[in-house]
């Protein structure tokens, strides 16, 4: 339930690089964390 991005709207798409789009607009990027947060 943690808030990651606001304004996602209803049409959400995530591509294979972790880019999160809402109605074609880039909201941000989700990236797996490495060792010690890298």
ModelCIF file with pLDDT and N, C-alpha, C, O atoms, coordinates in Angstrom:
data_MODEL
#
_entry.id   MODEL 
#
_entity.id                         1 
_entity.type                       polymer 
_entity.pdbx_number_of_molecules   1 
#
_entity_poly.entity_id                      1 
_entity_poly.type                           'polypeptide(L)' 
_entity_poly.nstd_linkage                   no 
_entity_poly.nstd_monomer                   no 
_entity_poly.pdbx_seq_one_letter_code       
;(UNK)(UNK)(UNK)(UNK)(UNK)(UNK)(UNK)(UNK)(UNK)(UNK)(UNK)(UNK)(UNK)(UNK)(UNK)(UNK)
(UNK)(UNK)(UNK)(UNK)(UNK)(UNK)(UNK)(UNK)(UNK)(UNK)(UNK)(UNK)(UNK)(UNK)(UNK)(UNK)
(UNK)(UNK)(UNK)(UNK)(UNK)(UNK)
;
_entity_poly.pdbx_seq_one_letter_code_can   XXXXXXXXXXXXXXXXXXXXXXXXXXXXXXXXXXXXXX 
_entity_poly.pdbx_strand_id                 A 
#
loop_
_entity_poly_seq.entity_id 
_entity_poly_seq.num 
_entity_poly_seq.mon_id 
_entity_poly_seq.hetero 
1 1  UNK n 
1 2  UNK n 
1 3  UNK n 
1 4  UNK n 
1 5  UNK n 
1 6  UNK n 
1 7  UNK n 
1 8  UNK n 
1 9  UNK n 
1 10 UNK n 
1 11 UNK n 
1 12 UNK n 
1 13 UNK n 
1 14 UNK n 
1 15 UNK n 
1 16 UNK n 
1 17 UNK n 
1 18 UNK n 
1 19 UNK n 
1 20 UNK n 
1 21 UNK n 
1 22 UNK n 
1 23 UNK n 
1 24 UNK n 
1 25 UNK n 
1 26 UNK n 
1 27 UNK n 
1 28 UNK n 
1 29 UNK n 
1 30 UNK n 
1 31 UNK n 
1 32 UNK n 
1 33 UNK n 
1 34 UNK n 
1 35 UNK n 
1 36 UNK n 
1 37 UNK n 
1 38 UNK n 
#
_struct_asym.id          A 
_struct_asym.entity_id   1 
#
loop_
_ma_qa_metric.id 
_ma_qa_metric.mode 
_ma_qa_metric.name 
_ma_qa_metric.software_group_id 
_ma_qa_metric.type 
1 global pLDDT . pLDDT 
2 local  pLDDT . pLDDT 
#
_ma_qa_metric_global.metric_id      1 
_ma_qa_metric_global.metric_value   67.45 
_ma_qa_metric_global.model_id       1 
_ma_qa_metric_global.ordinal_id     1 
#
loop_
_ma_qa_metric_local.label_asym_id 
_ma_qa_metric_local.label_comp_id 
_ma_qa_metric_local.label_seq_id 
_ma_qa_metric_local.metric_id 
_ma_qa_metric_local.metric_value 
_ma_qa_metric_local.model_id 
_ma_qa_metric_local.ordinal_id 
A UNK 1  2 73.00 1 1  
A UNK 2  2 71.00 1 2  
A UNK 3  2 74.00 1 3  
A UNK 4  2 70.00 1 4  
A UNK 5  2 70.00 1 5  
A UNK 6  2 71.00 1 6  
A UNK 7  2 65.00 1 7  
A UNK 8  2 60.00 1 8  
A UNK 9  2 63.00 1 9  
A UNK 10 2 59.00 1 10 
A UNK 11 2 67.00 1 11 
A UNK 12 2 68.00 1 12 
A UNK 13 2 70.00 1 13 
A UNK 14 2 72.00 1 14 
A UNK 15 2 74.00 1 15 
A UNK 16 2 68.00 1 16 
A UNK 17 2 70.00 1 17 
A UNK 18 2 71.00 1 18 
A UNK 19 2 77.00 1 19 
A UNK 20 2 76.00 1 20 
A UNK 21 2 77.00 1 21 
A UNK 22 2 74.00 1 22 
A UNK 23 2 75.00 1 23 
A UNK 24 2 76.00 1 24 
A UNK 25 2 78.00 1 25 
A UNK 26 2 80.00 1 26 
A UNK 27 2 74.00 1 27 
A UNK 28 2 74.00 1 28 
A UNK 29 2 75.00 1 29 
A UNK 30 2 69.00 1 30 
A UNK 31 2 64.00 1 31 
A UNK 32 2 59.00 1 32 
A UNK 33 2 54.00 1 33 
A UNK 34 2 50.00 1 34 
A UNK 35 2 46.00 1 35 
A UNK 36 2 49.00 1 36 
A UNK 37 2 48.00 1 37 
A UNK 38 2 52.00 1 38 
#
loop_
_atom_site.group_PDB 
_atom_site.id 
_atom_site.type_symbol 
_atom_site.label_atom_id 
_atom_site.label_alt_id 
_atom_site.label_comp_id 
_atom_site.label_asym_id 
_atom_site.label_entity_id 
_atom_site.label_seq_id 
_atom_site.pdbx_PDB_ins_code 
_atom_site.Cartn_x 
_atom_site.Cartn_y 
_atom_site.Cartn_z 
_atom_site.occupancy 
_atom_site.B_iso_or_equiv 
_atom_site.pdbx_formal_charge 
_atom_site.auth_seq_id 
_atom_site.auth_comp_id 
_atom_site.auth_asym_id 
_atom_site.auth_atom_id 
_atom_site.pdbx_PDB_model_num 
ATOM 1   N N  . UNK A 1 1  ? 0.790  -1.222 0.000   1.00 73.00 ? 1  UNK A N  1 
ATOM 2   C CA . UNK A 1 1  ? 0.000  0.000  0.000   1.00 73.00 ? 1  UNK A CA 1 
ATOM 3   C C  . UNK A 1 1  ? 0.823  1.272  0.000   1.00 73.00 ? 1  UNK A C  1 
ATOM 4   O O  . UNK A 1 1  ? 0.265  2.369  0.041   1.00 73.00 ? 1  UNK A O  1 
ATOM 5   N N  . UNK A 1 2  ? 2.164  1.142  -0.046  1.00 71.00 ? 2  UNK A N  1 
ATOM 6   C CA . UNK A 1 2  ? 3.015  2.327  -0.018  1.00 71.00 ? 2  UNK A CA 1 
ATOM 7   C C  . UNK A 1 2  ? 2.862  3.132  -1.314  1.00 71.00 ? 2  UNK A C  1 
ATOM 8   O O  . UNK A 1 2  ? 2.774  2.568  -2.405  1.00 71.00 ? 2  UNK A O  1 
ATOM 9   N N  . UNK A 1 3  ? 2.834  4.450  -1.169  1.00 74.00 ? 3  UNK A N  1 
ATOM 10  C CA . UNK A 1 3  ? 2.660  5.347  -2.312  1.00 74.00 ? 3  UNK A CA 1 
ATOM 11  C C  . UNK A 1 3  ? 3.958  5.422  -3.110  1.00 74.00 ? 3  UNK A C  1 
ATOM 12  O O  . UNK A 1 3  ? 5.010  5.769  -2.572  1.00 74.00 ? 3  UNK A O  1 
ATOM 13  N N  . UNK A 1 4  ? 3.873  5.095  -4.386  1.00 70.00 ? 4  UNK A N  1 
ATOM 14  C CA . UNK A 1 4  ? 5.051  5.142  -5.254  1.00 70.00 ? 4  UNK A CA 1 
ATOM 15  C C  . UNK A 1 4  ? 4.983  6.321  -6.214  1.00 70.00 ? 4  UNK A C  1 
ATOM 16  O O  . UNK A 1 4  ? 5.959  7.055  -6.368  1.00 70.00 ? 4  UNK A O  1 
ATOM 17  N N  . UNK A 1 5  ? 3.827  6.508  -6.865  1.00 70.00 ? 5  UNK A N  1 
ATOM 18  C CA . UNK A 1 5  ? 3.650  7.624  -7.787  1.00 70.00 ? 5  UNK A CA 1 
ATOM 19  C C  . UNK A 1 5  ? 2.227  8.150  -7.656  1.00 70.00 ? 5  UNK A C  1 
ATOM 20  O O  . UNK A 1 5  ? 1.283  7.388  -7.448  1.00 70.00 ? 5  UNK A O  1 
ATOM 21  N N  . UNK A 1 6  ? 2.089  9.467  -7.782  1.00 71.00 ? 6  UNK A N  1 
ATOM 22  C CA . UNK A 1 6  ? 0.755  10.068 -7.765  1.00 71.00 ? 6  UNK A CA 1 
ATOM 23  C C  . UNK A 1 6  ? 0.311  10.344 -9.193  1.00 71.00 ? 6  UNK A C  1 
ATOM 24  O O  . UNK A 1 6  ? 1.129  10.393 -10.112 1.00 71.00 ? 6  UNK A O  1 
ATOM 25  N N  . UNK A 1 7  ? -0.975 10.522 -9.366  1.00 65.00 ? 7  UNK A N  1 
ATOM 26  C CA . UNK A 1 7  ? -1.520 10.879 -10.665 1.00 65.00 ? 7  UNK A CA 1 
ATOM 27  C C  . UNK A 1 7  ? -1.410 9.789  -11.702 1.00 65.00 ? 7  UNK A C  1 
ATOM 28  O O  . UNK A 1 7  ? -1.263 10.069 -12.892 1.00 65.00 ? 7  UNK A O  1 
ATOM 29  N N  . UNK A 1 8  ? -1.480 8.536  -11.257 1.00 60.00 ? 8  UNK A N  1 
ATOM 30  C CA . UNK A 1 8  ? -1.336 7.429  -12.209 1.00 60.00 ? 8  UNK A CA 1 
ATOM 31  C C  . UNK A 1 8  ? -2.548 7.303  -13.113 1.00 60.00 ? 8  UNK A C  1 
ATOM 32  O O  . UNK A 1 8  ? -2.422 6.847  -14.250 1.00 60.00 ? 8  UNK A O  1 
ATOM 33  N N  . UNK A 1 9  ? -3.714 7.696  -12.636 1.00 63.00 ? 9  UNK A N  1 
ATOM 34  C CA . UNK A 1 9  ? -4.914 7.585  -13.458 1.00 63.00 ? 9  UNK A CA 1 
ATOM 35  C C  . UNK A 1 9  ? -5.313 6.140  -13.670 1.00 63.00 ? 9  UNK A C  1 
ATOM 36  O O  . UNK A 1 9  ? -4.881 5.253  -12.933 1.00 63.00 ? 9  UNK A O  1 
ATOM 37  N N  . UNK A 1 10 ? -6.132 5.907  -14.672 1.00 59.00 ? 10 UNK A N  1 
ATOM 38  C CA . UNK A 1 10 ? -6.652 4.565  -14.865 1.00 59.00 ? 10 UNK A CA 1 
ATOM 39  C C  . UNK A 1 10 ? -5.898 3.743  -15.888 1.00 59.00 ? 10 UNK A C  1 
ATOM 40  O O  . UNK A 1 10 ? -5.849 2.517  -15.790 1.00 59.00 ? 10 UNK A O  1 
ATOM 41  N N  . UNK A 1 11 ? -5.303 4.418  -16.882 1.00 67.00 ? 11 UNK A N  1 
ATOM 42  C CA . UNK A 1 11 ? -4.629 3.712  -17.963 1.00 67.00 ? 11 UNK A CA 1 
ATOM 43  C C  . UNK A 1 11 ? -3.134 3.659  -17.669 1.00 67.00 ? 11 UNK A C  1 
ATOM 44  O O  . UNK A 1 11 ? -2.372 4.510  -18.130 1.00 67.00 ? 11 UNK A O  1 
ATOM 45  N N  . UNK A 1 12 ? -2.721 2.661  -16.905 1.00 68.00 ? 12 UNK A N  1 
ATOM 46  C CA . UNK A 1 12 ? -1.342 2.554  -16.466 1.00 68.00 ? 12 UNK A CA 1 
ATOM 47  C C  . UNK A 1 12 ? -0.629 1.472  -17.262 1.00 68.00 ? 12 UNK A C  1 
ATOM 48  O O  . UNK A 1 12 ? -1.158 0.381  -17.475 1.00 68.00 ? 12 UNK A O  1 
ATOM 49  N N  . UNK A 1 13 ? 0.589  1.802  -17.699 1.00 70.00 ? 13 UNK A N  1 
ATOM 50  C CA . UNK A 1 13 ? 1.391  0.838  -18.445 1.00 70.00 ? 13 UNK A CA 1 
ATOM 51  C C  . UNK A 1 13 ? 2.824  0.902  -17.948 1.00 70.00 ? 13 UNK A C  1 
ATOM 52  O O  . UNK A 1 13 ? 3.364  1.981  -17.704 1.00 70.00 ? 13 UNK A O  1 
ATOM 53  N N  . UNK A 1 14 ? 3.426  -0.258 -17.802 1.00 72.00 ? 14 UNK A N  1 
ATOM 54  C CA . UNK A 1 14 ? 4.828  -0.339 -17.375 1.00 72.00 ? 14 UNK A CA 1 
ATOM 55  C C  . UNK A 1 14 ? 5.596  -1.090 -18.450 1.00 72.00 ? 14 UNK A C  1 
ATOM 56  O O  . UNK A 1 14 ? 5.223  -2.201 -18.827 1.00 72.00 ? 14 UNK A O  1 
ATOM 57  N N  . UNK A 1 15 ? 6.684  -0.474 -18.949 1.00 74.00 ? 15 UNK A N  1 
ATOM 58  C CA . UNK A 1 15 ? 7.447  -1.165 -19.986 1.00 74.00 ? 15 UNK A CA 1 
ATOM 59  C C  . UNK A 1 15 ? 8.532  -2.038 -19.352 1.00 74.00 ? 15 UNK A C  1 
ATOM 60  O O  . UNK A 1 15 ? 8.682  -2.076 -18.131 1.00 74.00 ? 15 UNK A O  1 
ATOM 61  N N  . UNK A 1 16 ? 9.288  -2.742 -20.209 1.00 68.00 ? 16 UNK A N  1 
ATOM 62  C CA . UNK A 1 16 ? 10.276 -3.707 -19.724 1.00 68.00 ? 16 UNK A CA 1 
ATOM 63  C C  . UNK A 1 16 ? 11.494 -3.061 -19.065 1.00 68.00 ? 16 UNK A C  1 
ATOM 64  O O  . UNK A 1 16 ? 12.299 -3.757 -18.447 1.00 68.00 ? 16 UNK A O  1 
ATOM 65  N N  . UNK A 1 17 ? 11.641 -1.742 -19.189 1.00 70.00 ? 17 UNK A N  1 
ATOM 66  C CA . UNK A 1 17 ? 12.732 -1.038 -18.521 1.00 70.00 ? 17 UNK A CA 1 
ATOM 67  C C  . UNK A 1 17 ? 12.286 -0.437 -17.195 1.00 70.00 ? 17 UNK A C  1 
ATOM 68  O O  . UNK A 1 17 ? 13.080 0.203  -16.505 1.00 70.00 ? 17 UNK A O  1 
ATOM 69  N N  . UNK A 1 18 ? 11.015 -0.639 -16.832 1.00 71.00 ? 18 UNK A N  1 
ATOM 70  C CA . UNK A 1 18 ? 10.504 -0.127 -15.567 1.00 71.00 ? 18 UNK A CA 1 
ATOM 71  C C  . UNK A 1 18 ? 9.919  1.264  -15.647 1.00 71.00 ? 18 UNK A C  1 
ATOM 72  O O  . UNK A 1 18 ? 9.623  1.860  -14.611 1.00 71.00 ? 18 UNK A O  1 
ATOM 73  N N  . UNK A 1 19 ? 9.738  1.810  -16.856 1.00 77.00 ? 19 UNK A N  1 
ATOM 74  C CA . UNK A 1 19 ? 9.130  3.130  -17.010 1.00 77.00 ? 19 UNK A CA 1 
ATOM 75  C C  . UNK A 1 19 ? 7.621  3.014  -16.862 1.00 77.00 ? 19 UNK A C  1 
ATOM 76  O O  . UNK A 1 19 ? 6.973  2.215  -17.538 1.00 77.00 ? 19 UNK A O  1 
ATOM 77  N N  . UNK A 1 20 ? 7.074  3.827  -15.964 1.00 76.00 ? 20 UNK A N  1 
ATOM 78  C CA . UNK A 1 20 ? 5.640  3.791  -15.679 1.00 76.00 ? 20 UNK A CA 1 
ATOM 79  C C  . UNK A 1 20 ? 4.946  4.935  -16.408 1.00 76.00 ? 20 UNK A C  1 
ATOM 80  O O  . UNK A 1 20 ? 5.290  6.102  -16.217 1.00 76.00 ? 20 UNK A O  1 
ATOM 81  N N  . UNK A 1 21 ? 3.965  4.594  -17.247 1.00 77.00 ? 21 UNK A N  1 
ATOM 82  C CA . UNK A 1 21 ? 3.230  5.587  -18.024 1.00 77.00 ? 21 UNK A CA 1 
ATOM 83  C C  . UNK A 1 21 ? 1.766  5.600  -17.606 1.00 77.00 ? 21 UNK A C  1 
ATOM 84  O O  . UNK A 1 21 ? 1.196  4.569  -17.249 1.00 77.00 ? 21 UNK A O  1 
ATOM 85  N N  . UNK A 1 22 ? 1.171  6.784  -17.656 1.00 74.00 ? 22 UNK A N  1 
ATOM 86  C CA . UNK A 1 22 ? -0.265 6.939  -17.455 1.00 74.00 ? 22 UNK A CA 1 
ATOM 87  C C  . UNK A 1 22 ? -0.808 7.767  -18.599 1.00 74.00 ? 22 UNK A C  1 
ATOM 88  O O  . UNK A 1 22 ? -0.465 8.940  -18.747 1.00 74.00 ? 22 UNK A O  1 
ATOM 89  N N  . UNK A 1 23 ? -1.654 7.155  -19.404 1.00 75.00 ? 23 UNK A N  1 
ATOM 90  C CA . UNK A 1 23 ? -2.186 7.811  -20.605 1.00 75.00 ? 23 UNK A CA 1 
ATOM 91  C C  . UNK A 1 23 ? -1.070 8.379  -21.469 1.00 75.00 ? 23 UNK A C  1 
ATOM 92  O O  . UNK A 1 23 ? -1.185 9.473  -22.021 1.00 75.00 ? 23 UNK A O  1 
ATOM 93  N N  . UNK A 1 24 ? 0.026  7.603  -21.577 1.00 76.00 ? 24 UNK A N  1 
ATOM 94  C CA . UNK A 1 24 ? 1.143  8.004  -22.422 1.00 76.00 ? 24 UNK A CA 1 
ATOM 95  C C  . UNK A 1 24 ? 2.135  8.933  -21.756 1.00 76.00 ? 24 UNK A C  1 
ATOM 96  O O  . UNK A 1 24 ? 3.187  9.214  -22.330 1.00 76.00 ? 24 UNK A O  1 
ATOM 97  N N  . UNK A 1 25 ? 1.831  9.421  -20.552 1.00 78.00 ? 25 UNK A N  1 
ATOM 98  C CA . UNK A 1 25 ? 2.729  10.350 -19.845 1.00 78.00 ? 25 UNK A CA 1 
ATOM 99  C C  . UNK A 1 25 ? 3.615  9.577  -18.882 1.00 78.00 ? 25 UNK A C  1 
ATOM 100 O O  . UNK A 1 25 ? 3.131  8.755  -18.104 1.00 78.00 ? 25 UNK A O  1 
ATOM 101 N N  . UNK A 1 26 ? 4.931  9.846  -18.939 1.00 80.00 ? 26 UNK A N  1 
ATOM 102 C CA . UNK A 1 26 ? 5.879  9.170  -18.060 1.00 80.00 ? 26 UNK A CA 1 
ATOM 103 C C  . UNK A 1 26 ? 5.741  9.699  -16.637 1.00 80.00 ? 26 UNK A C  1 
ATOM 104 O O  . UNK A 1 26 ? 5.915  10.892 -16.386 1.00 80.00 ? 26 UNK A O  1 
ATOM 105 N N  . UNK A 1 27 ? 5.421  8.787  -15.699 1.00 74.00 ? 27 UNK A N  1 
ATOM 106 C CA . UNK A 1 27 ? 5.312  9.169  -14.289 1.00 74.00 ? 27 UNK A CA 1 
ATOM 107 C C  . UNK A 1 27 ? 6.636  9.002  -13.559 1.00 74.00 ? 27 UNK A C  1 
ATOM 108 O O  . UNK A 1 27 ? 6.952  9.784  -12.663 1.00 74.00 ? 27 UNK A O  1 
ATOM 109 N N  . UNK A 1 28 ? 7.400  8.006  -13.926 1.00 74.00 ? 28 UNK A N  1 
ATOM 110 C CA . UNK A 1 28 ? 8.665  7.718  -13.264 1.00 74.00 ? 28 UNK A CA 1 
ATOM 111 C C  . UNK A 1 28 ? 9.147  6.340  -13.655 1.00 74.00 ? 28 UNK A C  1 
ATOM 112 O O  . UNK A 1 28 ? 8.568  5.681  -14.518 1.00 74.00 ? 28 UNK A O  1 
ATOM 113 N N  . UNK A 1 29 ? 10.213 5.918  -13.010 1.00 75.00 ? 29 UNK A N  1 
ATOM 114 C CA . UNK A 1 29 ? 10.831 4.637  -13.331 1.00 75.00 ? 29 UNK A CA 1 
ATOM 115 C C  . UNK A 1 29 ? 10.957 3.786  -12.076 1.00 75.00 ? 29 UNK A C  1 
ATOM 116 O O  . UNK A 1 29 ? 11.365 4.265  -11.018 1.00 75.00 ? 29 UNK A O  1 
ATOM 117 N N  . UNK A 1 30 ? 10.606 2.540  -12.214 1.00 69.00 ? 30 UNK A N  1 
ATOM 118 C CA . UNK A 1 30 ? 10.768 1.569  -11.131 1.00 69.00 ? 30 UNK A CA 1 
ATOM 119 C C  . UNK A 1 30 ? 12.007 0.744  -11.457 1.00 69.00 ? 30 UNK A C  1 
ATOM 120 O O  . UNK A 1 30 ? 12.104 0.151  -12.531 1.00 69.00 ? 30 UNK A O  1 
ATOM 121 N N  . UNK A 1 31 ? 12.949 0.712  -10.526 1.00 64.00 ? 31 UNK A N  1 
ATOM 122 C CA . UNK A 1 31 ? 14.203 0.002  -10.742 1.00 64.00 ? 31 UNK A CA 1 
ATOM 123 C C  . UNK A 1 31 ? 14.482 -0.924 -9.576  1.00 64.00 ? 31 UNK A C  1 
ATOM 124 O O  . UNK A 1 31 ? 14.348 -0.512 -8.424  1.00 64.00 ? 31 UNK A O  1 
ATOM 125 N N  . UNK A 1 32 ? 14.870 -2.178 -9.844  1.00 59.00 ? 32 UNK A N  1 
ATOM 126 C CA . UNK A 1 32 ? 15.232 -3.069 -8.739  1.00 59.00 ? 32 UNK A CA 1 
ATOM 127 C C  . UNK A 1 32 ? 16.430 -2.513 -7.984  1.00 59.00 ? 32 UNK A C  1 
ATOM 128 O O  . UNK A 1 32 ? 17.344 -1.951 -8.588  1.00 59.00 ? 32 UNK A O  1 
ATOM 129 N N  . UNK A 1 33 ? 16.425 -2.667 -6.681  1.00 54.00 ? 33 UNK A N  1 
ATOM 130 C CA . UNK A 1 33 ? 17.529 -2.189 -5.855  1.00 54.00 ? 33 UNK A CA 1 
ATOM 131 C C  . UNK A 1 33 ? 18.636 -3.219 -5.830  1.00 54.00 ? 33 UNK A C  1 
ATOM 132 O O  . UNK A 1 33 ? 18.370 -4.421 -5.810  1.00 54.00 ? 33 UNK A O  1 
ATOM 133 N N  . UNK A 1 34 ? 19.870 -2.759 -5.832  1.00 50.00 ? 34 UNK A N  1 
ATOM 134 C CA . UNK A 1 34 ? 21.016 -3.644 -5.727  1.00 50.00 ? 34 UNK A CA 1 
ATOM 135 C C  . UNK A 1 34 ? 21.524 -3.700 -4.305  1.00 50.00 ? 34 UNK A C  1 
ATOM 136 O O  . UNK A 1 34 ? 20.800 -3.352 -3.372  1.00 50.00 ? 34 UNK A O  1 
ATOM 137 N N  . UNK A 1 35 ? 22.752 -4.131 -4.128  1.00 46.00 ? 35 UNK A N  1 
ATOM 138 C CA . UNK A 1 35 ? 23.348 -4.218 -2.807  1.00 46.00 ? 35 UNK A CA 1 
ATOM 139 C C  . UNK A 1 35 ? 23.464 -2.833 -2.197  1.00 46.00 ? 35 UNK A C  1 
ATOM 140 O O  . UNK A 1 35 ? 23.897 -1.887 -2.856  1.00 46.00 ? 35 UNK A O  1 
ATOM 141 N N  . UNK A 1 36 ? 23.081 -2.722 -0.949  1.00 49.00 ? 36 UNK A N  1 
ATOM 142 C CA . UNK A 1 36 ? 23.150 -1.475 -0.183  1.00 49.00 ? 36 UNK A CA 1 
ATOM 143 C C  . UNK A 1 36 ? 22.451 -0.329 -0.918  1.00 49.00 ? 36 UNK A C  1 
ATOM 144 O O  . UNK A 1 36 ? 22.925 0.807  -0.921  1.00 49.00 ? 36 UNK A O  1 
ATOM 145 N N  . UNK A 1 37 ? 21.319 -0.649 -1.538  1.00 48.00 ? 37 UNK A N  1 
ATOM 146 C CA . UNK A 1 37 ? 20.517 0.390  -2.169  1.00 48.00 ? 37 UNK A CA 1 
ATOM 147 C C  . UNK A 1 37 ? 20.972 0.820  -3.538  1.00 48.00 ? 37 UNK A C  1 
ATOM 148 O O  . UNK A 1 37 ? 20.312 1.650  -4.162  1.00 48.00 ? 37 UNK A O  1 
ATOM 149 N N  . UNK A 1 38 ? 22.085 0.287  -4.040  1.00 52.00 ? 38 UNK A N  1 
ATOM 150 C CA . UNK A 1 38 ? 22.546 0.648  -5.368  1.00 52.00 ? 38 UNK A CA 1 
ATOM 151 C C  . UNK A 1 38 ? 21.649 -0.003 -6.416  1.00 52.00 ? 38 UNK A C  1 
ATOM 152 O O  . UNK A 1 38 ? 21.868 0.177  -7.614  1.00 52.00 ? 38 UNK A O  1 
#
